[in-house]
């Protein structure tokens, strides 16, 4: 069944445009609440509860209130934690034994976008079947439970402190100290601005924070994991040992080594996997995605680590890990899953695992990441009308362009086309050993997509 609202990471869109409107958010809260407490009309059923967090976007206040009202109308209690990283909501949902967690965020998108995504009571992403069931309830008339059964709301003042302590507990090295490490942490003016610097400094590191002054409008603006220039400049200027860049909702991280060179999610995943292997704690395959650089697969093969690819999206990486008994997986964008530490992608926890590898092996990040010598990879995003993406991807002229590029790569590369699950884009990726052939091939296919999009 095709889902109307849920993409690969919840519901997302431009604020004020359907479905990111307050009336839809109210209905979404109600529909999700009815799935959680379907028999709670008169208060006789089990009392359900949800944790609601958000990033620093100005529109978060509006959607928080609307979702709260929807859940209350469905008879569900609401625990409000304010601005908190997405993975913190997964953790707090488990901690408070809530039935679900809700995050109001559009991750790395600009401030005028927003979204809503859900976690199950176990702290992992909702299965597709549950999201489909919520969509079905959206078509039903919105009714209110009996007055005595209405949900209550309260704020959890201890949420940030609880999450900071949890993150610190995942840094498992002898003496558990980062003393002597100088780092720059870029919080993207996002949800981690008030927790990430504390985690690293309380472990003993010398921390300089940037992107830690949100104003509701500046989230991800020229900072964070999608804009690394500021972090590169700061690491070089301060002579830091490394830099860590989070995204707007804190579930992914990228790095800058002491020379100012970028270390991406593929390299970070490999660093963690090799460290787990050295400790005898690596279990099952390491799982990447169709977008993971070929160099990661080659490095894993050389190290004797089984590597597998899943569909793009952390939920699909998670599904593959669970099915195959693995613990580590992730995406080039820095969304890394360490299921031996937590249930979902967590930028702070992932960064701590990289730092643990550096500590244990007494190596710089540059030395550890060098084993993944990235193959040239070109990614071009082409904006299209969302309802035309599937038509474009199946068009004969696009298939012809792909065949032409694949012939030019001559078995020394690959082409991947996919529609974004969160934005009205078709992503064109070409990878290979010849940088000129890769760049030319990506532009050739992107031009074919543009022509079809404008037709």
Protein backbone atom coordinates (compact mmCIF):
# COMPACT_ATOMS: atom_id res chain seq x y z
CA UNK A 1 0.00 0.00 0.00
CA UNK A 2 1.37 3.41 -1.00
CA UNK A 3 1.53 5.77 1.94
CA UNK A 4 0.30 9.30 1.43
CA UNK A 5 2.09 11.13 4.22
CA UNK A 6 4.89 9.05 5.71
CA UNK A 7 8.23 9.05 3.90
CA UNK A 8 11.43 7.27 4.88
CA UNK A 9 11.66 9.35 8.06
CA UNK A 10 8.17 10.36 9.14
CA UNK A 11 6.08 13.22 7.77
CA UNK A 12 8.00 16.24 6.49
CA UNK A 13 7.37 19.38 4.46
CA UNK A 14 7.38 23.17 4.33
CA UNK A 15 5.71 24.81 7.31
CA UNK A 16 2.24 26.11 6.48
CA UNK A 17 1.86 23.87 3.43
CA UNK A 18 -0.05 20.60 3.66
CA UNK A 19 0.65 18.39 5.52
CA UNK A 20 2.86 20.53 7.79
CA UNK A 21 -0.05 22.58 9.14
CA UNK A 22 -1.35 22.81 12.71
CA UNK A 23 -4.67 21.18 11.86
CA UNK A 24 -2.94 18.19 10.28
CA UNK A 25 -0.58 17.90 13.25
CA UNK A 26 -3.56 17.80 15.59
CA UNK A 27 -5.17 15.04 13.53
CA UNK A 28 -1.85 13.17 13.34
CA UNK A 29 -1.52 13.23 17.13
CA UNK A 30 -5.08 11.99 17.47
CA UNK A 31 -4.62 9.23 14.88
CA UNK A 32 -1.37 8.05 16.46
CA UNK A 33 -3.03 8.19 19.88
CA UNK A 34 -5.92 6.04 18.72
CA UNK A 35 -3.44 3.44 17.51
CA UNK A 36 -1.74 3.49 20.93
CA UNK A 37 -4.93 3.38 23.00
CA UNK A 38 -7.74 2.10 20.76
CA UNK A 39 -9.93 1.09 23.71
CA UNK A 40 -9.46 4.15 25.86
CA UNK A 41 -12.72 5.99 25.03
CA UNK A 42 -14.03 5.92 28.58
CA UNK A 43 -10.78 5.50 30.48
CA UNK A 44 -11.32 1.78 31.02
CA UNK A 45 -8.47 0.70 28.75
CA UNK A 46 -4.76 0.86 29.51
CA UNK A 47 -3.43 4.40 29.99
CA UNK A 48 -1.03 5.23 27.16
CA UNK A 49 1.68 7.89 27.17
CA UNK A 50 4.03 9.50 24.65
CA UNK A 51 7.21 11.57 24.92
CA UNK A 52 7.31 14.64 22.64
CA UNK A 53 10.55 16.44 21.84
CA UNK A 54 11.58 18.92 19.18
CA UNK A 55 14.53 20.70 17.64
CA UNK A 56 15.04 24.47 17.74
CA UNK A 57 12.84 25.58 14.82
CA UNK A 58 10.42 28.37 15.63
CA UNK A 59 7.54 26.31 14.23
CA UNK A 60 8.22 23.61 16.81
CA UNK A 61 6.12 25.45 19.40
CA UNK A 62 3.08 25.38 17.10
CA UNK A 63 3.39 21.71 16.21
CA UNK A 64 4.13 20.72 19.80
CA UNK A 65 0.87 22.30 20.95
CA UNK A 66 -1.13 20.77 18.10
CA UNK A 67 0.22 17.27 18.67
CA UNK A 68 -0.34 17.58 22.41
CA UNK A 69 -3.99 18.48 21.79
CA UNK A 70 -4.45 15.56 19.39
CA UNK A 71 -2.97 13.03 21.79
CA UNK A 72 -5.01 14.41 24.69
CA UNK A 73 -8.21 14.10 22.64
CA UNK A 74 -7.33 10.45 22.05
CA UNK A 75 -6.84 9.83 25.77
CA UNK A 76 -3.03 9.70 25.72
CA UNK A 77 -0.82 11.35 28.35
CA UNK A 78 1.99 13.56 27.01
CA UNK A 79 5.47 14.02 28.45
CA UNK A 80 7.06 17.20 27.05
CA UNK A 81 10.85 17.49 27.06
CA UNK A 82 11.39 20.56 24.86
CA UNK A 83 14.38 20.86 22.50
CA UNK A 84 16.22 17.54 22.56
CA UNK A 85 18.12 15.46 19.97
CA UNK A 86 16.07 12.86 18.14
CA UNK A 87 17.99 9.94 19.70
CA UNK A 88 17.34 11.42 23.15
CA UNK A 89 13.63 10.91 22.53
CA UNK A 90 14.27 7.25 21.71
CA UNK A 91 16.20 6.88 24.98
CA UNK A 92 13.66 8.80 27.10
CA UNK A 93 10.77 6.83 25.61
CA UNK A 94 12.39 3.66 26.95
CA UNK A 95 13.36 5.27 30.25
CA UNK A 96 9.84 6.46 31.02
CA UNK A 97 8.24 3.26 29.68
CA UNK A 98 6.16 5.34 27.29
CA UNK A 99 4.21 3.76 24.46
CA UNK A 100 5.82 5.96 21.81
CA UNK A 101 8.13 8.87 21.23
CA UNK A 102 7.49 11.80 18.90
CA UNK A 103 10.11 14.13 17.43
CA UNK A 104 9.24 17.44 15.77
CA UNK A 105 12.14 18.06 13.40
CA UNK A 106 13.19 18.27 9.78
CA UNK A 107 16.73 17.16 10.60
CA UNK A 108 19.24 18.82 8.24
CA UNK A 109 16.63 20.85 6.31
CA UNK A 110 16.35 24.67 6.64
CA UNK A 111 14.23 26.23 9.37
CA UNK A 112 11.14 26.76 7.22
CA UNK A 113 10.69 23.00 6.88
CA UNK A 114 9.55 20.78 9.71
CA UNK A 115 8.44 17.22 10.28
CA UNK A 116 7.09 14.65 12.70
CA UNK A 117 8.60 11.22 13.26
CA UNK A 118 7.82 8.48 15.71
CA UNK A 119 9.60 5.90 17.84
CA UNK A 120 8.04 2.77 19.27
CA UNK A 121 8.05 2.08 22.98
CA UNK A 122 11.29 0.12 22.42
CA UNK A 123 13.01 3.24 21.11
CA UNK A 124 13.24 2.22 17.45
CA UNK A 125 11.46 3.49 14.36
CA UNK A 126 7.82 2.49 13.90
CA UNK A 127 7.30 -0.40 11.47
CA UNK A 128 5.78 0.49 8.10
CA UNK A 129 2.59 -1.36 9.05
CA UNK A 130 2.00 0.88 12.07
CA UNK A 131 2.59 4.06 10.06
CA UNK A 132 0.15 2.75 7.46
CA UNK A 133 -2.42 2.12 10.20
CA UNK A 134 -1.98 5.68 11.49
CA UNK A 135 -2.56 6.99 7.96
CA UNK A 136 -5.76 4.98 7.74
CA UNK A 137 -7.03 6.54 10.97
CA UNK A 138 -6.36 10.00 9.56
CA UNK A 139 -9.29 9.41 7.22
CA UNK A 140 -11.69 8.77 10.12
CA UNK A 141 -13.74 11.48 11.86
CA UNK A 142 -11.85 13.04 14.77
CA UNK A 143 -13.69 12.21 17.96
CA UNK A 144 -12.83 13.02 21.55
CA UNK A 145 -12.71 10.49 24.38
CA UNK A 146 -14.91 10.99 27.44
CA UNK A 147 -13.93 14.04 29.53
CA UNK A 148 -12.63 11.87 32.36
CA UNK A 149 -10.42 9.93 29.92
CA UNK A 150 -8.68 12.92 28.30
CA UNK A 151 -4.90 12.86 28.28
CA UNK A 152 -2.79 14.99 30.61
CA UNK A 153 0.46 16.81 29.77
CA UNK A 154 3.49 17.53 31.95
CA UNK A 155 7.04 18.71 31.38
CA UNK A 156 10.07 16.61 32.27
CA UNK A 157 12.69 19.00 33.63
CA UNK A 158 15.34 16.31 34.11
CA UNK A 159 15.37 15.15 30.47
CA UNK A 160 18.62 16.84 29.39
CA UNK A 161 20.57 15.66 32.42
CA UNK A 162 19.34 12.09 32.01
CA UNK A 163 20.40 12.04 28.37
CA UNK A 164 23.84 13.52 29.07
CA UNK A 165 24.52 10.77 31.60
CA UNK A 166 23.31 8.11 29.18
CA UNK A 167 25.63 9.34 26.43
CA UNK A 168 28.60 9.36 28.79
CA UNK A 169 27.83 5.76 29.79
CA UNK A 170 28.40 4.60 26.19
CA UNK A 171 32.06 5.72 26.25
CA UNK A 172 33.55 2.46 27.48
CA UNK A 173 37.30 2.74 27.64
CA UNK A 174 39.70 2.35 30.52
CA UNK A 175 39.31 5.29 32.92
CA UNK A 176 36.57 6.66 30.59
CA UNK A 177 38.34 9.98 30.11
CA UNK A 178 38.91 12.37 27.24
CA UNK A 179 41.45 14.39 29.20
CA UNK A 180 43.94 16.08 26.87
CA UNK A 181 41.67 15.94 23.81
CA UNK A 182 41.01 19.32 22.20
CA UNK A 183 37.90 19.38 20.05
CA UNK A 184 35.49 21.66 18.28
CA UNK A 185 31.82 20.64 18.38
CA UNK A 186 29.40 22.11 15.84
CA UNK A 187 25.82 21.80 17.12
CA UNK A 188 24.19 23.21 13.95
CA UNK A 189 22.18 25.66 16.11
CA UNK A 190 20.02 22.61 16.61
CA UNK A 191 18.61 20.27 19.21
CA UNK A 192 21.96 19.20 20.67
CA UNK A 193 23.19 22.73 21.44
CA UNK A 194 22.64 22.40 25.19
CA UNK A 195 23.72 18.78 25.66
CA UNK A 196 26.57 17.85 23.27
CA UNK A 197 29.20 20.24 24.67
CA UNK A 198 28.42 19.02 28.19
CA UNK A 199 28.84 15.35 27.27
CA UNK A 200 32.35 15.82 25.89
CA UNK A 201 33.53 18.34 28.49
CA UNK A 202 32.24 16.25 31.41
CA UNK A 203 34.36 13.38 30.06
CA UNK A 204 37.39 15.64 30.31
CA UNK A 205 37.84 17.07 26.81
CA UNK A 206 38.67 20.69 26.09
CA UNK A 207 35.61 21.70 24.07
CA UNK A 208 34.96 24.73 21.92
CA UNK A 209 31.37 24.85 20.68
CA UNK A 210 30.11 26.56 17.53
CA UNK A 211 26.59 26.55 16.13
CA UNK A 212 25.30 26.57 19.72
CA UNK A 213 23.20 29.76 19.70
CA UNK A 214 19.84 28.87 18.15
CA UNK A 215 17.33 31.65 17.54
CA UNK A 216 14.55 29.59 15.96
CA UNK A 217 15.55 30.59 12.44
CA UNK A 218 19.24 29.69 12.09
CA UNK A 219 19.18 25.90 12.45
CA UNK A 220 21.62 24.34 9.93
CA UNK A 221 22.41 27.75 8.44
CA UNK A 222 26.04 27.53 7.26
CA UNK A 223 26.85 25.16 10.14
CA UNK A 224 26.40 21.50 11.04
CA UNK A 225 27.02 18.30 9.15
CA UNK A 226 25.76 19.73 5.84
CA UNK A 227 27.99 22.82 5.97
CA UNK A 228 31.43 21.87 7.19
CA UNK A 229 33.46 24.93 6.17
CA UNK A 230 33.00 26.66 9.54
CA UNK A 231 34.12 23.56 11.43
CA UNK A 232 37.14 23.03 9.18
CA UNK A 233 38.24 26.63 9.70
CA UNK A 234 37.77 26.45 13.47
CA UNK A 235 39.70 23.17 13.83
CA UNK A 236 42.62 24.58 11.86
CA UNK A 237 42.59 27.93 13.67
CA UNK A 238 42.57 26.30 17.11
CA UNK A 239 44.93 23.44 16.32
CA UNK A 240 42.29 21.03 17.64
CA UNK A 241 42.67 17.27 17.58
CA UNK A 242 39.37 16.91 15.73
CA UNK A 243 36.02 18.49 15.01
CA UNK A 244 32.58 16.93 15.32
CA UNK A 245 29.63 18.21 13.26
CA UNK A 246 26.09 17.27 14.27
CA UNK A 247 22.97 17.93 12.25
CA UNK A 248 19.88 19.84 13.32
CA UNK A 249 18.31 17.01 15.28
CA UNK A 250 21.54 15.42 16.49
CA UNK A 251 21.12 11.95 15.03
CA UNK A 252 24.11 12.08 12.70
CA UNK A 253 27.69 13.32 12.83
CA UNK A 254 30.61 13.95 10.53
CA UNK A 255 34.18 14.67 11.53
CA UNK A 256 37.15 16.86 10.67
CA UNK A 257 40.61 15.50 11.51
CA UNK A 258 43.45 17.54 13.00
CA UNK A 259 44.59 18.59 9.50
CA UNK A 260 41.16 19.92 8.61
CA UNK A 261 40.27 17.01 6.33
CA UNK A 262 36.69 15.71 6.35
CA UNK A 263 35.97 12.20 7.66
CA UNK A 264 32.57 11.00 6.48
CA UNK A 265 30.10 8.46 7.83
CA UNK A 266 31.56 5.57 5.85
CA UNK A 267 34.99 6.15 7.34
CA UNK A 268 33.60 6.64 10.85
CA UNK A 269 31.62 3.42 10.57
CA UNK A 270 34.76 1.56 9.53
CA UNK A 271 36.77 3.05 12.42
CA UNK A 272 34.15 1.82 14.90
CA UNK A 273 33.89 -1.60 13.24
CA UNK A 274 37.65 -2.14 13.29
CA UNK A 275 37.77 -1.13 16.96
CA UNK A 276 34.97 -3.58 17.83
CA UNK A 277 36.78 -6.26 15.84
CA UNK A 278 40.00 -5.63 17.78
CA UNK A 279 38.06 -5.95 21.05
CA UNK A 280 36.37 -9.17 19.92
CA UNK A 281 33.00 -7.43 20.09
CA UNK A 282 32.06 -7.30 16.40
CA UNK A 283 28.95 -9.34 15.69
CA UNK A 284 27.27 -10.07 12.37
CA UNK A 285 27.79 -7.99 9.23
CA UNK A 286 28.46 -4.27 9.02
CA UNK A 287 25.57 -2.79 7.04
CA UNK A 288 25.82 0.22 4.76
CA UNK A 289 23.43 1.44 2.08
CA UNK A 290 23.35 1.64 -1.68
CA UNK A 291 24.99 5.07 -1.28
CA UNK A 292 27.93 3.82 0.81
CA UNK A 293 31.25 4.40 -0.92
CA UNK A 294 32.82 1.43 -2.67
CA UNK A 295 35.96 2.04 -0.58
CA UNK A 296 34.09 1.02 2.58
CA UNK A 297 33.18 -2.35 1.08
CA UNK A 298 36.76 -2.89 -0.10
CA UNK A 299 38.26 -1.91 3.27
CA UNK A 300 35.89 -4.25 5.14
CA UNK A 301 36.74 -7.09 2.78
CA UNK A 302 40.46 -6.52 3.34
CA UNK A 303 39.94 -6.55 7.13
CA UNK A 304 37.87 -9.72 7.05
CA UNK A 305 34.64 -7.92 7.97
CA UNK A 306 31.41 -8.94 6.25
CA UNK A 307 29.80 -5.93 4.59
CA UNK A 308 26.24 -5.74 3.25
CA UNK A 309 24.12 -3.00 1.69
CA UNK A 310 20.54 -2.05 2.53
CA UNK A 311 18.15 0.45 0.97
CA UNK A 312 18.90 4.10 1.68
CA UNK A 313 17.47 5.15 5.04
CA UNK A 314 18.47 4.28 8.58
CA UNK A 315 15.26 2.31 9.15
CA UNK A 316 16.31 -0.11 6.41
CA UNK A 317 19.84 -0.37 7.82
CA UNK A 318 18.25 -1.19 11.17
CA UNK A 319 15.99 -3.83 9.65
CA UNK A 320 18.95 -5.53 7.95
CA UNK A 321 21.03 -5.48 11.14
CA UNK A 322 18.22 -7.06 13.16
CA UNK A 323 17.56 -9.68 10.49
CA UNK A 324 21.25 -10.58 10.19
CA UNK A 325 22.24 -10.30 13.85
CA UNK A 326 24.52 -7.31 13.26
CA UNK A 327 25.30 -4.40 15.56
CA UNK A 328 26.92 -1.73 13.38
CA UNK A 329 25.59 0.04 10.32
CA UNK A 330 25.19 3.46 8.83
CA UNK A 331 25.15 5.93 5.99
CA UNK A 332 27.76 8.16 4.38
CA UNK A 333 25.87 11.17 5.75
CA UNK A 334 26.97 10.22 9.26
CA UNK A 335 23.84 8.45 10.46
CA UNK A 336 25.47 5.53 12.31
CA UNK A 337 23.75 2.75 14.25
CA UNK A 338 25.59 1.21 17.19
CA UNK A 339 22.99 -1.24 18.42
CA UNK A 340 25.31 -2.45 21.17
CA UNK A 341 25.02 1.04 22.68
CA UNK A 342 21.57 2.38 21.75
CA UNK A 343 18.54 1.67 19.56
CA UNK A 344 18.82 4.33 16.88
CA UNK A 345 21.27 6.63 15.14
CA UNK A 346 22.83 9.01 17.64
CA UNK A 347 25.42 11.61 16.62
CA UNK A 348 26.86 12.07 20.11
CA UNK A 349 27.06 8.34 20.86
CA UNK A 350 28.63 7.65 17.45
CA UNK A 351 31.23 10.35 18.03
CA UNK A 352 32.06 8.81 21.39
CA UNK A 353 32.65 5.43 19.74
CA UNK A 354 35.12 7.03 17.31
CA UNK A 355 36.84 8.78 20.20
CA UNK A 356 37.02 5.47 22.08
CA UNK A 357 38.78 3.90 19.09
CA UNK A 358 41.26 6.77 19.02
CA UNK A 359 41.92 6.35 22.74
CA UNK A 360 42.25 2.57 22.68
CA UNK A 361 44.53 2.47 19.66
CA UNK A 362 46.47 5.65 20.52
CA UNK A 363 46.00 6.92 16.96
CA UNK A 364 44.78 10.13 15.37
CA UNK A 365 41.49 10.15 13.52
CA UNK A 366 43.39 10.70 10.30
CA UNK A 367 45.40 7.51 10.83
CA UNK A 368 42.32 5.42 11.62
CA UNK A 369 40.24 6.75 8.71
CA UNK A 370 43.03 6.41 6.13
CA UNK A 371 42.21 2.73 5.55
CA UNK A 372 39.05 3.83 3.72
CA UNK A 373 40.48 5.54 0.64
CA UNK A 374 37.28 6.95 -0.79
CA UNK A 375 36.53 6.30 -4.45
CA UNK A 376 35.40 9.34 -6.46
CA UNK A 377 31.65 9.71 -6.00
CA UNK A 378 29.44 12.40 -7.49
CA UNK A 379 25.98 13.11 -6.09
CA UNK A 380 23.64 15.53 -7.86
CA UNK A 381 20.19 16.37 -6.52
CA UNK A 382 17.64 17.34 -9.14
CA UNK A 383 14.42 19.00 -7.98
CA UNK A 384 11.26 17.45 -9.42
CA UNK A 385 7.56 17.45 -8.67
CA UNK A 386 7.15 14.76 -6.03
CA UNK A 387 4.26 13.04 -7.81
CA UNK A 388 6.35 12.76 -11.00
CA UNK A 389 9.47 11.19 -9.51
CA UNK A 390 8.45 7.59 -10.17
CA UNK A 391 7.41 8.41 -13.76
CA UNK A 392 10.77 10.07 -14.45
CA UNK A 393 12.73 7.19 -12.93
CA UNK A 394 10.96 4.71 -15.22
CA UNK A 395 11.30 6.77 -18.41
CA UNK A 396 13.00 5.16 -21.38
CA UNK A 397 15.26 8.16 -22.11
CA UNK A 398 16.64 8.09 -18.55
CA UNK A 399 17.30 4.37 -18.81
CA UNK A 400 19.20 5.02 -22.03
CA UNK A 401 21.37 7.67 -20.32
CA UNK A 402 22.16 5.27 -17.47
CA UNK A 403 23.12 2.52 -19.90
CA UNK A 404 25.41 4.94 -21.73
CA UNK A 405 27.19 5.99 -18.52
CA UNK A 406 27.53 2.42 -17.26
CA UNK A 407 29.20 1.50 -20.55
CA UNK A 408 31.66 4.38 -20.11
CA UNK A 409 32.49 3.19 -16.57
CA UNK A 410 33.35 -0.19 -18.10
CA UNK A 411 32.71 -2.22 -14.96
CA UNK A 412 34.83 0.12 -12.81
CA UNK A 413 31.97 1.93 -11.10
CA UNK A 414 28.22 2.04 -10.53
CA UNK A 415 25.16 4.25 -10.98
CA UNK A 416 22.36 4.73 -8.47
CA UNK A 417 19.14 6.69 -9.00
CA UNK A 418 16.51 7.15 -6.33
CA UNK A 419 13.75 9.51 -5.26
CA UNK A 420 14.36 11.24 -1.94
CA UNK A 421 12.04 10.08 0.80
CA UNK A 422 12.05 13.49 2.51
CA UNK A 423 12.35 16.11 -0.26
CA UNK A 424 11.02 16.58 -3.85
CA UNK A 425 14.32 15.43 -5.34
CA UNK A 426 15.77 12.69 -7.51
CA UNK A 427 19.26 11.83 -6.31
CA UNK A 428 21.78 10.92 -9.01
CA UNK A 429 24.88 9.11 -7.77
CA UNK A 430 27.77 7.90 -9.90
CA UNK A 431 30.84 6.23 -8.41
CA UNK A 432 33.99 4.81 -9.90
CA UNK A 433 37.76 4.83 -10.02
CA UNK A 434 38.09 7.49 -12.73
CA UNK A 435 37.12 10.90 -11.30
CA UNK A 436 36.58 12.51 -14.72
CA UNK A 437 34.33 9.70 -15.93
CA UNK A 438 32.36 9.86 -12.66
CA UNK A 439 31.77 13.62 -12.89
CA UNK A 440 30.83 13.48 -16.58
CA UNK A 441 28.53 10.51 -16.04
CA UNK A 442 26.69 12.11 -13.14
CA UNK A 443 26.10 15.31 -15.11
CA UNK A 444 24.91 13.36 -18.16
CA UNK A 445 22.27 11.51 -16.11
CA UNK A 446 21.29 14.61 -14.10
CA UNK A 447 20.71 16.51 -17.34
CA UNK A 448 18.42 13.70 -18.52
CA UNK A 449 16.44 13.98 -15.28
CA UNK A 450 16.22 17.79 -15.62
CA UNK A 451 14.92 17.48 -19.18
CA UNK A 452 12.17 15.10 -18.07
CA UNK A 453 11.32 17.24 -15.04
CA UNK A 454 10.83 20.31 -17.25
CA UNK A 455 8.79 18.47 -19.90
